[in-house]
Amino acid sequence: MANCAKLRLSHSSLCALVIGASAALAFASASKPALAQERQAAFDADCLIEPSAKVELGASVSGLVKEVFADRGDAVTAGQIVAELDSGVERTSLEVARARAENDHEVLSKRSRMEYLTKKSNRITKLAEMKAASEASRDESDSDLKQAEQELHEAELSFRMAQLELRHSEALLEQRMIRSPYDGVVIERALTAGAYLHDQAHVLTILRTDPLFVEVYLPLERLGRIQVGALAEVYPEDPVGGRLTAKVSVVDRFIDAPSATFGVRLTLDNPEGKVPAGLRCTIKFRTLVANHRHDAG
C-alpha cells in the first residue's frame, strides 16, 4: 500500500483519502470470490409436478353397482359418496334394527316394577321389625325384588344388544357406499351401473391434487446442500406458467448409481386446484445461498 512519504503528499486529509480508496479496492477484490460462491449456490433444475396420491377406488365387499355419481374430470371432496352398490337387503335390516333399538318399553316396564317392589319391600321390612308382618312375607318380598332386579338387568342388556345390532346394520350399509378418501379429481371411470364389482375390480380412479408433489433429481455434488423444510421457486411450463413456492419434504438417503443422482420431493399447496398434475416445471433453489454462506463460516 502506498504511504504519504512515498507520494510526498503535504496534506493529511489527502493522505487519508488515498488510504481509504486503497482499502476499498482491497475489500472489493476480497468480496468477489464470496459473491461468486453465492451465485453458484443458487441453481435451477428440471422437475415434474405430480399428484400427492392416486387410488383405484373399490369397495370392501363385492356386489352389483347400483349407481356411480362421478365421472372422468369431476372434482370430488373427502367423504363424498361417489358410487353405491345395491343395498336393498342391508337397508331393510337397518330399519328392523332401528325399530328394535328405539323400543325401550321393556326396560321402562321392568324399571317401574322394580321401583314398586323396592317400596313394598321397605314397608314390609319395617312392619316385620315391629312384629306387624311375618318373616315369610318379608322373605317373599325380598325374593320378588331380586327377581325384578334380574329382569331389569336382562331388559337393559337386550336393549344394549339392540343398539349394537343397529350399529352393525349401519356398518353393513356403509360398506355398500363408496366414498372418496380425499379431495381430488376423477381421471377414470371403470364401471357403470349394473356392472358387478368384485374384489379385484375398481369403480373410479382418483388423484389427490392438493397438495401436489414436485419431484426433482439432482446431481451427486448437490448432496448435503438441501435440507427438509427449505423453500424453492417452482415455474410450471406454459400455458399454466407463473411462479409458485414449494417446500422440501423429502430428501432421498440413497443414490442412483447409474445416473449419480438423488431424488428430492417438494410439497406444493394447491387449494383451488389451478395447477394440474403431470406438468413439467423448472425449480430454483434460492435458499441454498443462505445455507452456503453459513457453511463458509
C-alpha atoms as a PDB file:
ATOM      1  CA  MET A   1       0.000   0.000   0.000  1.00  0.00           C
ATOM      2  CA  ALA A   2       1.279   3.463  -0.872  1.00  0.00           C
ATOM      3  CA  ASN A   3       2.099   5.740   2.058  1.00  0.00           C
ATOM      4  CA  CYS A   4       2.295   9.509   2.476  1.00  0.00           C
ATOM      5  CA  ALA A   5       6.071   9.643   2.407  1.00  0.00           C
ATOM      6  CA  LYS A   6       6.375   7.921  -0.977  1.00  0.00           C
ATOM      7  CA  LEU A   7       3.630  10.012  -2.505  1.00  0.00           C
ATOM      8  CA  ARG A   8       5.127  13.178  -0.946  1.00  0.00           C
ATOM      9  CA  LEU A   9       1.721  14.471  -0.022  1.00  0.00           C
ATOM     10  CA  SER A  10       1.734  17.532   2.193  1.00  0.00           C
ATOM     11  CA  HIS A  11      -1.824  17.488   3.361  1.00  0.00           C
ATOM     12  CA  SER A  12      -3.006  14.868   5.880  1.00  0.00           C
ATOM     13  CA  SER A  13      -6.587  14.863   4.518  1.00  0.00           C
ATOM     14  CA  LEU A  14      -5.435  13.908   1.037  1.00  0.00           C
ATOM     15  CA  CYS A  15      -3.328  11.117   2.565  1.00  0.00           C
ATOM     16  CA  ALA A  16      -6.358   9.719   4.381  1.00  0.00           C
ATOM     17  CA  LEU A  17      -8.357   9.823   1.154  1.00  0.00           C
ATOM     18  CA  VAL A  18      -5.728   7.772  -0.679  1.00  0.00           C
ATOM     19  CA  ILE A  19      -5.522   5.200   2.124  1.00  0.00           C
ATOM     20  CA  GLY A  20      -9.358   4.854   2.225  1.00  0.00           C
ATOM     21  CA  ALA A  21      -9.563   4.324  -1.527  1.00  0.00           C
ATOM     22  CA  SER A  22      -6.865   1.631  -1.393  1.00  0.00           C
ATOM     23  CA  ALA A  23      -8.687  -0.190   1.433  1.00  0.00           C
ATOM     24  CA  ALA A  24     -11.974  -0.087  -0.511  1.00  0.00           C
ATOM     25  CA  LEU A  25     -10.314  -1.620  -3.574  1.00  0.00           C
ATOM     26  CA  ALA A  26      -8.808  -4.372  -1.434  1.00  0.00           C
ATOM     27  CA  PHE A  27     -12.187  -5.157   0.189  1.00  0.00           C
ATOM     28  CA  ALA A  28     -13.925  -5.259  -3.191  1.00  0.00           C
ATOM     29  CA  SER A  29     -11.318  -7.680  -4.519  1.00  0.00           C
ATOM     30  CA  ALA A  30     -11.710  -9.952  -1.481  1.00  0.00           C
ATOM     31  CA  SER A  31     -15.515  -9.898  -1.810  1.00  0.00           C
ATOM     32  CA  LYS A  32     -15.643 -11.074  -5.431  1.00  0.00           C
ATOM     33  CA  PRO A  33     -14.959 -14.766  -4.662  1.00  0.00           C
ATOM     34  CA  ALA A  34     -17.683 -14.780  -1.972  1.00  0.00           C
ATOM     35  CA  LEU A  35     -20.234 -13.256  -4.337  1.00  0.00           C
ATOM     36  CA  ALA A  36     -19.289 -15.758  -6.995  1.00  0.00           C
ATOM     37  CA  GLN A  37     -19.786 -18.579  -4.485  1.00  0.00           C
ATOM     38  CA  GLU A  38     -23.218 -17.210  -3.565  1.00  0.00           C
ATOM     39  CA  ARG A  39     -24.284 -17.111  -7.220  1.00  0.00           C
ATOM     40  CA  GLN A  40     -23.101 -20.691  -7.688  1.00  0.00           C
ATOM     41  CA  ALA A  41     -25.034 -21.803  -4.599  1.00  0.00           C
ATOM     42  CA  ALA A  42     -28.402 -20.996  -6.213  1.00  0.00           C
ATOM     43  CA  PHE A  43     -29.160 -23.210  -9.214  1.00  0.00           C
ATOM     44  CA  ASP A  44     -32.009 -24.358 -11.435  1.00  0.00           C
ATOM     45  CA  ALA A  45     -33.180 -27.877 -12.250  1.00  0.00           C
ATOM     46  CA  ASP A  46     -35.892 -29.568 -14.263  1.00  0.00           C
ATOM     47  CA  CYS A  47     -38.802 -31.032 -12.271  1.00  0.00           C
ATOM     48  CA  LEU A  48     -42.179 -32.706 -12.600  1.00  0.00           C
ATOM     49  CA  ILE A  49     -45.428 -31.826 -10.790  1.00  0.00           C
ATOM     50  CA  GLU A  50     -47.285 -34.953  -9.734  1.00  0.00           C
ATOM     51  CA  PRO A  51     -50.378 -35.794  -7.636  1.00  0.00           C
ATOM     52  CA  SER A  52     -49.684 -36.485  -3.981  1.00  0.00           C
ATOM     53  CA  ALA A  53     -51.792 -39.673  -4.119  1.00  0.00           C
ATOM     54  CA  LYS A  54     -53.559 -41.920  -6.600  1.00  0.00           C
ATOM     55  CA  VAL A  55     -56.179 -44.517  -5.689  1.00  0.00           C
ATOM     56  CA  GLU A  56     -58.192 -47.042  -7.648  1.00  0.00           C
ATOM     57  CA  LEU A  57     -61.370 -46.829  -5.632  1.00  0.00           C
ATOM     58  CA  GLY A  58     -63.304 -50.012  -4.916  1.00  0.00           C
ATOM     59  CA  ALA A  59     -65.285 -51.438  -2.011  1.00  0.00           C
ATOM     60  CA  SER A  60     -64.602 -53.806   0.869  1.00  0.00           C
ATOM     61  CA  VAL A  61     -67.414 -56.088  -0.355  1.00  0.00           C
ATOM     62  CA  SER A  62     -68.479 -57.407  -3.739  1.00  0.00           C
ATOM     63  CA  GLY A  63     -71.803 -56.583  -5.304  1.00  0.00           C
ATOM     64  CA  LEU A  64     -73.810 -55.103  -8.119  1.00  0.00           C
ATOM     65  CA  VAL A  65     -73.114 -51.444  -8.861  1.00  0.00           C
ATOM     66  CA  LYS A  66     -76.364 -49.548  -8.320  1.00  0.00           C
ATOM     67  CA  GLU A  67     -75.163 -46.081  -9.317  1.00  0.00           C
ATOM     68  CA  VAL A  68     -71.992 -44.094  -9.988  1.00  0.00           C
ATOM     69  CA  PHE A  69     -72.245 -40.417  -9.041  1.00  0.00           C
ATOM     70  CA  ALA A  70     -68.957 -39.140 -10.508  1.00  0.00           C
ATOM     71  CA  ASP A  71     -67.320 -39.300 -13.916  1.00  0.00           C
ATOM     72  CA  ARG A  72     -63.985 -38.531 -15.518  1.00  0.00           C
ATOM     73  CA  GLY A  73     -62.911 -34.943 -14.898  1.00  0.00           C
ATOM     74  CA  ASP A  74     -65.201 -34.366 -11.909  1.00  0.00           C
ATOM     75  CA  ALA A  75     -63.820 -32.809  -8.743  1.00  0.00           C
ATOM     76  CA  VAL A  76     -64.676 -34.738  -5.577  1.00  0.00           C
ATOM     77  CA  THR A  77     -64.317 -33.992  -1.885  1.00  0.00           C
ATOM     78  CA  ALA A  78     -63.209 -36.158   1.025  1.00  0.00           C
ATOM     79  CA  GLY A  79     -66.081 -38.340   2.272  1.00  0.00           C
ATOM     80  CA  GLN A  80     -68.269 -37.741  -0.761  1.00  0.00           C
ATOM     81  CA  ILE A  81     -70.262 -40.783  -1.937  1.00  0.00           C
ATOM     82  CA  VAL A  82     -69.069 -41.360  -5.499  1.00  0.00           C
ATOM     83  CA  ALA A  83     -70.720 -44.761  -6.082  1.00  0.00           C
ATOM     84  CA  GLU A  84     -73.165 -47.152  -4.408  1.00  0.00           C
ATOM     85  CA  LEU A  85     -73.660 -50.894  -4.539  1.00  0.00           C
ATOM     86  CA  ASP A  86     -77.098 -52.474  -4.430  1.00  0.00           C
ATOM     87  CA  SER A  87     -78.152 -52.315  -0.775  1.00  0.00           C
ATOM     88  CA  GLY A  88     -81.826 -53.312  -0.592  1.00  0.00           C
ATOM     89  CA  VAL A  89     -81.264 -56.127   1.909  1.00  0.00           C
ATOM     90  CA  GLU A  90     -78.980 -54.016   4.088  1.00  0.00           C
ATOM     91  CA  ARG A  91     -81.465 -51.128   4.190  1.00  0.00           C
ATOM     92  CA  THR A  92     -84.289 -53.441   5.281  1.00  0.00           C
ATOM     93  CA  SER A  93     -82.127 -54.965   8.009  1.00  0.00           C
ATOM     94  CA  LEU A  94     -81.219 -51.487   9.154  1.00  0.00           C
ATOM     95  CA  GLU A  95     -84.865 -50.473   9.518  1.00  0.00           C
ATOM     96  CA  VAL A  96     -85.605 -53.575  11.615  1.00  0.00           C
ATOM     97  CA  ALA A  97     -82.562 -52.959  13.817  1.00  0.00           C
ATOM     98  CA  ARG A  98     -83.502 -49.293  14.253  1.00  0.00           C
ATOM     99  CA  ALA A  99     -87.019 -50.239  15.364  1.00  0.00           C
ATOM    100  CA  ARG A 100     -85.617 -52.602  17.976  1.00  0.00           C
ATOM    101  CA  ALA A 101     -83.023 -50.098  19.148  1.00  0.00           C
ATOM    102  CA  GLU A 102     -85.658 -47.421  19.660  1.00  0.00           C
ATOM    103  CA  ASN A 103     -88.016 -49.707  21.607  1.00  0.00           C
ATOM    104  CA  ASP A 104     -87.188 -49.171  25.289  1.00  0.00           C
ATOM    105  CA  HIS A 105     -90.655 -50.043  26.615  1.00  0.00           C
ATOM    106  CA  GLU A 106     -89.454 -53.302  28.151  1.00  0.00           C
ATOM    107  CA  VAL A 107     -86.754 -51.510  30.111  1.00  0.00           C
ATOM    108  CA  LEU A 108     -89.174 -48.861  31.367  1.00  0.00           C
ATOM    109  CA  SER A 109     -91.704 -51.508  32.414  1.00  0.00           C
ATOM    110  CA  LYS A 110     -89.137 -53.572  34.324  1.00  0.00           C
ATOM    111  CA  ARG A 111     -87.718 -50.469  35.988  1.00  0.00           C
ATOM    112  CA  SER A 112     -91.171 -49.354  37.103  1.00  0.00           C
ATOM    113  CA  ARG A 113     -91.910 -52.814  38.585  1.00  0.00           C
ATOM    114  CA  MET A 114     -88.594 -52.853  40.442  1.00  0.00           C
ATOM    115  CA  GLU A 115     -89.292 -49.403  41.943  1.00  0.00           C
ATOM    116  CA  TYR A 116     -92.696 -50.622  43.143  1.00  0.00           C
ATOM    117  CA  LEU A 117     -91.252 -53.806  44.689  1.00  0.00           C
ATOM    118  CA  THR A 118     -88.474 -51.802  46.350  1.00  0.00           C
ATOM    119  CA  LYS A 119     -91.016 -49.618  48.139  1.00  0.00           C
ATOM    120  CA  LYS A 120     -93.096 -52.690  49.043  1.00  0.00           C
ATOM    121  CA  SER A 121     -90.051 -54.475  50.459  1.00  0.00           C
ATOM    122  CA  ASN A 122     -89.143 -51.442  52.568  1.00  0.00           C
ATOM    123  CA  ARG A 123     -92.657 -51.267  54.030  1.00  0.00           C
ATOM    124  CA  ILE A 124     -92.757 -54.989  54.875  1.00  0.00           C
ATOM    125  CA  THR A 125     -89.310 -54.816  56.441  1.00  0.00           C
ATOM    126  CA  LYS A 126     -90.429 -52.025  58.772  1.00  0.00           C
ATOM    127  CA  LEU A 127     -93.581 -53.959  59.672  1.00  0.00           C
ATOM    128  CA  ALA A 128     -91.567 -57.098  60.346  1.00  0.00           C
ATOM    129  CA  GLU A 129     -89.263 -55.125  62.664  1.00  0.00           C
ATOM    130  CA  MET A 130     -92.352 -54.035  64.610  1.00  0.00           C
ATOM    131  CA  LYS A 131     -93.668 -57.632  64.580  1.00  0.00           C
ATOM    132  CA  ALA A 132     -96.619 -56.481  62.449  1.00  0.00           C
ATOM    133  CA  ALA A 133     -95.641 -58.691  59.493  1.00  0.00           C
ATOM    134  CA  SER A 134     -94.365 -62.228  59.309  1.00  0.00           C
ATOM    135  CA  GLU A 135     -90.855 -63.204  58.308  1.00  0.00           C
ATOM    136  CA  ALA A 136     -92.325 -65.257  55.466  1.00  0.00           C
ATOM    137  CA  SER A 137     -93.910 -62.172  53.903  1.00  0.00           C
ATOM    138  CA  ARG A 138     -90.626 -60.278  54.190  1.00  0.00           C
ATOM    139  CA  ASP A 139     -88.729 -63.142  52.547  1.00  0.00           C
ATOM    140  CA  GLU A 140     -91.281 -63.290  49.762  1.00  0.00           C
ATOM    141  CA  SER A 141     -90.993 -59.539  49.212  1.00  0.00           C
ATOM    142  CA  ASP A 142     -87.191 -59.680  49.100  1.00  0.00           C
ATOM    143  CA  SER A 143     -87.353 -62.556  46.609  1.00  0.00           C
ATOM    144  CA  ASP A 144     -89.729 -60.636  44.346  1.00  0.00           C
ATOM    145  CA  LEU A 145     -87.399 -57.622  44.461  1.00  0.00           C
ATOM    146  CA  LYS A 146     -84.327 -59.652  43.493  1.00  0.00           C
ATOM    147  CA  GLN A 147     -86.235 -61.241  40.632  1.00  0.00           C
ATOM    148  CA  ALA A 148     -87.322 -57.778  39.422  1.00  0.00           C
ATOM    149  CA  GLU A 149     -83.726 -56.546  39.553  1.00  0.00           C
ATOM    150  CA  GLN A 150     -82.630 -59.515  37.441  1.00  0.00           C
ATOM    151  CA  GLU A 151     -85.387 -58.928  34.905  1.00  0.00           C
ATOM    152  CA  LEU A 152     -84.445 -55.260  34.655  1.00  0.00           C
ATOM    153  CA  HIS A 153     -80.817 -56.211  34.089  1.00  0.00           C
ATOM    154  CA  GLU A 154     -81.813 -58.604  31.289  1.00  0.00           C
ATOM    155  CA  ALA A 155     -84.059 -55.972  29.677  1.00  0.00           C
ATOM    156  CA  GLU A 156     -81.245 -53.394  29.752  1.00  0.00           C
ATOM    157  CA  LEU A 157     -78.837 -55.937  28.272  1.00  0.00           C
ATOM    158  CA  SER A 158     -81.290 -56.739  25.469  1.00  0.00           C
ATOM    159  CA  PHE A 159     -81.674 -53.018  24.783  1.00  0.00           C
ATOM    160  CA  ARG A 160     -77.894 -52.563  24.562  1.00  0.00           C
ATOM    161  CA  MET A 161     -77.681 -55.535  22.202  1.00  0.00           C
ATOM    162  CA  ALA A 162     -80.300 -53.876  20.014  1.00  0.00           C
ATOM    163  CA  GLN A 163     -78.142 -50.736  19.926  1.00  0.00           C
ATOM    164  CA  LEU A 164     -75.142 -52.796  18.833  1.00  0.00           C
ATOM    165  CA  GLU A 165     -77.195 -54.536  16.174  1.00  0.00           C
ATOM    166  CA  LEU A 166     -78.207 -51.132  14.858  1.00  0.00           C
ATOM    167  CA  ARG A 167     -74.571 -50.061  14.614  1.00  0.00           C
ATOM    168  CA  HIS A 168     -73.750 -53.355  12.891  1.00  0.00           C
ATOM    169  CA  SER A 169     -76.521 -52.818  10.344  1.00  0.00           C
ATOM    170  CA  GLU A 170     -75.313 -49.267   9.731  1.00  0.00           C
ATOM    171  CA  ALA A 171     -71.796 -50.577   9.141  1.00  0.00           C
ATOM    172  CA  LEU A 172     -73.060 -53.188   6.662  1.00  0.00           C
ATOM    173  CA  LEU A 173     -74.923 -50.486   4.737  1.00  0.00           C
ATOM    174  CA  GLU A 174     -71.865 -48.208   4.821  1.00  0.00           C
ATOM    175  CA  GLN A 175     -69.842 -50.950   3.141  1.00  0.00           C
ATOM    176  CA  ARG A 176     -72.121 -50.573   0.138  1.00  0.00           C
ATOM    177  CA  MET A 177     -71.272 -46.859  -0.120  1.00  0.00           C
ATOM    178  CA  ILE A 178     -68.061 -45.956  -1.948  1.00  0.00           C
ATOM    179  CA  ARG A 179     -66.616 -42.663  -0.723  1.00  0.00           C
ATOM    180  CA  SER A 180     -63.710 -40.559  -1.906  1.00  0.00           C
ATOM    181  CA  PRO A 181     -60.856 -40.731   0.629  1.00  0.00           C
ATOM    182  CA  TYR A 182     -59.706 -37.164  -0.084  1.00  0.00           C
ATOM    183  CA  ASP A 183     -60.264 -34.057  -2.182  1.00  0.00           C
ATOM    184  CA  GLY A 184     -59.240 -34.754  -5.741  1.00  0.00           C
ATOM    185  CA  VAL A 185     -60.234 -35.266  -9.336  1.00  0.00           C
ATOM    186  CA  VAL A 186     -61.570 -38.359 -11.143  1.00  0.00           C
ATOM    187  CA  ILE A 187     -59.354 -39.469 -14.030  1.00  0.00           C
ATOM    188  CA  GLU A 188     -61.055 -42.769 -14.870  1.00  0.00           C
ATOM    189  CA  ARG A 189     -64.479 -44.379 -14.576  1.00  0.00           C
ATOM    190  CA  ALA A 190     -64.015 -48.128 -14.857  1.00  0.00           C
ATOM    191  CA  LEU A 191     -67.537 -49.415 -14.081  1.00  0.00           C
ATOM    192  CA  THR A 192     -71.078 -48.200 -14.610  1.00  0.00           C
ATOM    193  CA  ALA A 193     -74.448 -49.029 -13.049  1.00  0.00           C
ATOM    194  CA  GLY A 194     -75.339 -52.678 -13.500  1.00  0.00           C
ATOM    195  CA  ALA A 195     -71.748 -53.927 -13.519  1.00  0.00           C
ATOM    196  CA  TYR A 196     -70.546 -56.419 -10.916  1.00  0.00           C
ATOM    197  CA  LEU A 197     -67.808 -55.188  -8.610  1.00  0.00           C
ATOM    198  CA  HIS A 198     -65.557 -57.984  -7.379  1.00  0.00           C
ATOM    199  CA  ASP A 199     -62.584 -57.831  -5.039  1.00  0.00           C
ATOM    200  CA  GLN A 200     -60.060 -57.250  -7.855  1.00  0.00           C
ATOM    201  CA  ALA A 201     -62.001 -54.511  -9.641  1.00  0.00           C
ATOM    202  CA  HIS A 202     -62.423 -50.786  -9.053  1.00  0.00           C
ATOM    203  CA  VAL A 203     -65.054 -48.216  -9.964  1.00  0.00           C
ATOM    204  CA  LEU A 204     -63.092 -44.958 -10.189  1.00  0.00           C
ATOM    205  CA  THR A 205     -59.509 -43.749 -10.195  1.00  0.00           C
ATOM    206  CA  ILE A 206     -58.968 -40.555  -8.190  1.00  0.00           C
ATOM    207  CA  LEU A 207     -55.950 -38.266  -7.926  1.00  0.00           C
ATOM    208  CA  ARG A 208     -55.286 -36.046  -4.923  1.00  0.00           C
ATOM    209  CA  THR A 209     -54.281 -32.642  -6.256  1.00  0.00           C
ATOM    210  CA  ASP A 210     -53.966 -30.713  -3.007  1.00  0.00           C
ATOM    211  CA  PRO A 211     -51.211 -30.776  -2.125  1.00  0.00           C
ATOM    212  CA  LEU A 212     -49.139 -31.659  -5.174  1.00  0.00           C
ATOM    213  CA  PHE A 213     -45.661 -33.171  -5.145  1.00  0.00           C
ATOM    214  CA  VAL A 214     -42.779 -31.669  -7.091  1.00  0.00           C
ATOM    215  CA  GLU A 215     -40.223 -34.353  -7.960  1.00  0.00           C
ATOM    216  CA  VAL A 216     -36.680 -33.433  -8.950  1.00  0.00           C
ATOM    217  CA  TYR A 217     -33.434 -35.380  -9.346  1.00  0.00           C
ATOM    218  CA  LEU A 218     -30.190 -33.580  -8.544  1.00  0.00           C
ATOM    219  CA  PRO A 219     -26.551 -34.419  -9.261  1.00  0.00           C
ATOM    220  CA  LEU A 220     -24.494 -36.031  -6.541  1.00  0.00           C
ATOM    221  CA  GLU A 221     -22.433 -32.890  -5.868  1.00  0.00           C
ATOM    222  CA  ARG A 222     -25.575 -31.183  -4.529  1.00  0.00           C
ATOM    223  CA  LEU A 223     -25.988 -33.808  -1.794  1.00  0.00           C
ATOM    224  CA  GLY A 224     -25.999 -32.260   1.677  1.00  0.00           C
ATOM    225  CA  ARG A 225     -26.869 -28.771   0.451  1.00  0.00           C
ATOM    226  CA  ILE A 226     -30.648 -29.204   0.553  1.00  0.00           C
ATOM    227  CA  GLN A 227     -32.476 -29.709   3.827  1.00  0.00           C
ATOM    228  CA  VAL A 228     -36.058 -30.672   4.601  1.00  0.00           C
ATOM    229  CA  GLY A 229     -38.087 -27.504   5.147  1.00  0.00           C
ATOM    230  CA  ALA A 230     -36.150 -25.390   2.649  1.00  0.00           C
ATOM    231  CA  LEU A 231     -38.167 -23.297   0.192  1.00  0.00           C
ATOM    232  CA  ALA A 232     -37.802 -23.191  -3.585  1.00  0.00           C
ATOM    233  CA  GLU A 233     -39.438 -21.422  -6.512  1.00  0.00           C
ATOM    234  CA  VAL A 234     -41.364 -23.577  -8.975  1.00  0.00           C
ATOM    235  CA  TYR A 235     -42.095 -22.395 -12.517  1.00  0.00           C
ATOM    236  CA  PRO A 236     -44.669 -24.598 -14.294  1.00  0.00           C
ATOM    237  CA  GLU A 237     -44.480 -24.858 -18.056  1.00  0.00           C
ATOM    238  CA  ASP A 238     -46.864 -22.961 -20.311  1.00  0.00           C
ATOM    239  CA  PRO A 239     -49.755 -22.452 -20.561  1.00  0.00           C
ATOM    240  CA  VAL A 240     -50.005 -22.511 -16.742  1.00  0.00           C
ATOM    241  CA  GLY A 241     -46.841 -20.541 -16.094  1.00  0.00           C
ATOM    242  CA  GLY A 242     -46.358 -18.307 -13.093  1.00  0.00           C
ATOM    243  CA  ARG A 243     -44.137 -18.659 -10.035  1.00  0.00           C
ATOM    244  CA  LEU A 244     -45.064 -20.870  -7.087  1.00  0.00           C
ATOM    245  CA  THR A 245     -43.419 -21.634  -3.768  1.00  0.00           C
ATOM    246  CA  ALA A 246     -42.860 -25.210  -2.615  1.00  0.00           C
ATOM    247  CA  LYS A 247     -41.257 -26.692   0.494  1.00  0.00           C
ATOM    248  CA  VAL A 248     -38.796 -29.574   0.577  1.00  0.00           C
ATOM    249  CA  SER A 249     -40.485 -32.532   2.287  1.00  0.00           C
ATOM    250  CA  VAL A 250     -38.217 -35.462   1.361  1.00  0.00           C
ATOM    251  CA  VAL A 251     -34.519 -35.770   0.543  1.00  0.00           C
ATOM    252  CA  ASP A 252     -33.639 -39.302  -0.511  1.00  0.00           C
ATOM    253  CA  ARG A 253     -30.997 -41.054   1.595  1.00  0.00           C
ATOM    254  CA  PHE A 254     -29.815 -43.211  -1.290  1.00  0.00           C
ATOM    255  CA  ILE A 255     -28.059 -42.517  -4.571  1.00  0.00           C
ATOM    256  CA  ASP A 256     -28.960 -43.814  -8.017  1.00  0.00           C
ATOM    257  CA  ALA A 257     -25.570 -45.161  -9.018  1.00  0.00           C
ATOM    258  CA  PRO A 258     -26.019 -45.292 -12.837  1.00  0.00           C
ATOM    259  CA  SER A 259     -27.052 -41.621 -13.057  1.00  0.00           C
ATOM    260  CA  ALA A 260     -25.195 -40.384  -9.936  1.00  0.00           C
ATOM    261  CA  THR A 261     -28.289 -38.509  -8.798  1.00  0.00           C
ATOM    262  CA  PHE A 262     -30.549 -38.399  -5.762  1.00  0.00           C
ATOM    263  CA  GLY A 263     -34.229 -37.515  -5.502  1.00  0.00           C
ATOM    264  CA  VAL A 264     -35.849 -34.554  -3.757  1.00  0.00           C
ATOM    265  CA  ARG A 265     -39.587 -34.137  -3.204  1.00  0.00           C
ATOM    266  CA  LEU A 266     -41.245 -30.806  -2.502  1.00  0.00           C
ATOM    267  CA  THR A 267     -44.816 -30.184  -1.354  1.00  0.00           C
ATOM    268  CA  LEU A 268     -46.831 -27.612  -3.280  1.00  0.00           C
ATOM    269  CA  ASP A 269     -50.136 -26.339  -1.882  1.00  0.00           C
ATOM    270  CA  ASN A 270     -52.902 -26.270  -4.497  1.00  0.00           C
ATOM    271  CA  PRO A 271     -56.138 -25.432  -2.610  1.00  0.00           C
ATOM    272  CA  GLU A 272     -58.048 -24.134  -5.635  1.00  0.00           C
ATOM    273  CA  GLY A 273     -56.819 -26.849  -7.983  1.00  0.00           C
ATOM    274  CA  LYS A 274     -55.464 -24.354 -10.511  1.00  0.00           C
ATOM    275  CA  VAL A 275     -52.269 -26.330 -11.122  1.00  0.00           C
ATOM    276  CA  PRO A 276     -52.895 -29.654 -12.887  1.00  0.00           C
ATOM    277  CA  ALA A 277     -50.795 -32.704 -12.118  1.00  0.00           C
ATOM    278  CA  GLY A 278     -48.403 -34.005 -14.754  1.00  0.00           C
ATOM    279  CA  LEU A 279     -46.833 -30.650 -15.676  1.00  0.00           C
ATOM    280  CA  ARG A 280     -43.146 -30.262 -16.310  1.00  0.00           C
ATOM    281  CA  CYS A 281     -41.507 -27.401 -14.484  1.00  0.00           C
ATOM    282  CA  THR A 282     -38.287 -25.645 -13.578  1.00  0.00           C
ATOM    283  CA  ILE A 283     -37.238 -25.252  -9.964  1.00  0.00           C
ATOM    284  CA  LYS A 284     -34.914 -22.665  -8.438  1.00  0.00           C
ATOM    285  CA  PHE A 285     -33.291 -23.493  -5.110  1.00  0.00           C
ATOM    286  CA  ARG A 286     -32.744 -19.935  -3.867  1.00  0.00           C
ATOM    287  CA  THR A 287     -32.457 -20.900  -0.189  1.00  0.00           C
ATOM    288  CA  LEU A 288     -29.108 -22.526  -0.921  1.00  0.00           C
ATOM    289  CA  VAL A 289     -27.458 -19.095  -0.923  1.00  0.00           C
ATOM    290  CA  ALA A 290     -28.020 -18.707   2.815  1.00  0.00           C
ATOM    291  CA  ASN A 291     -27.001 -22.319   3.524  1.00  0.00           C
ATOM    292  CA  HIS A 292     -23.803 -21.926   1.553  1.00  0.00           C
ATOM    293  CA  ARG A 293     -22.899 -18.688   3.339  1.00  0.00           C
ATOM    294  CA  HIS A 294     -23.418 -20.470   6.688  1.00  0.00           C
ATOM    295  CA  ASP A 295     -21.152 -23.354   5.672  1.00  0.00           C
ATOM    296  CA  ALA A 296     -18.497 -20.970   4.513  1.00  0.00           C
ATOM    297  CA  GLY A 297     -18.406 -19.504   8.027  1.00  0.00           C
END
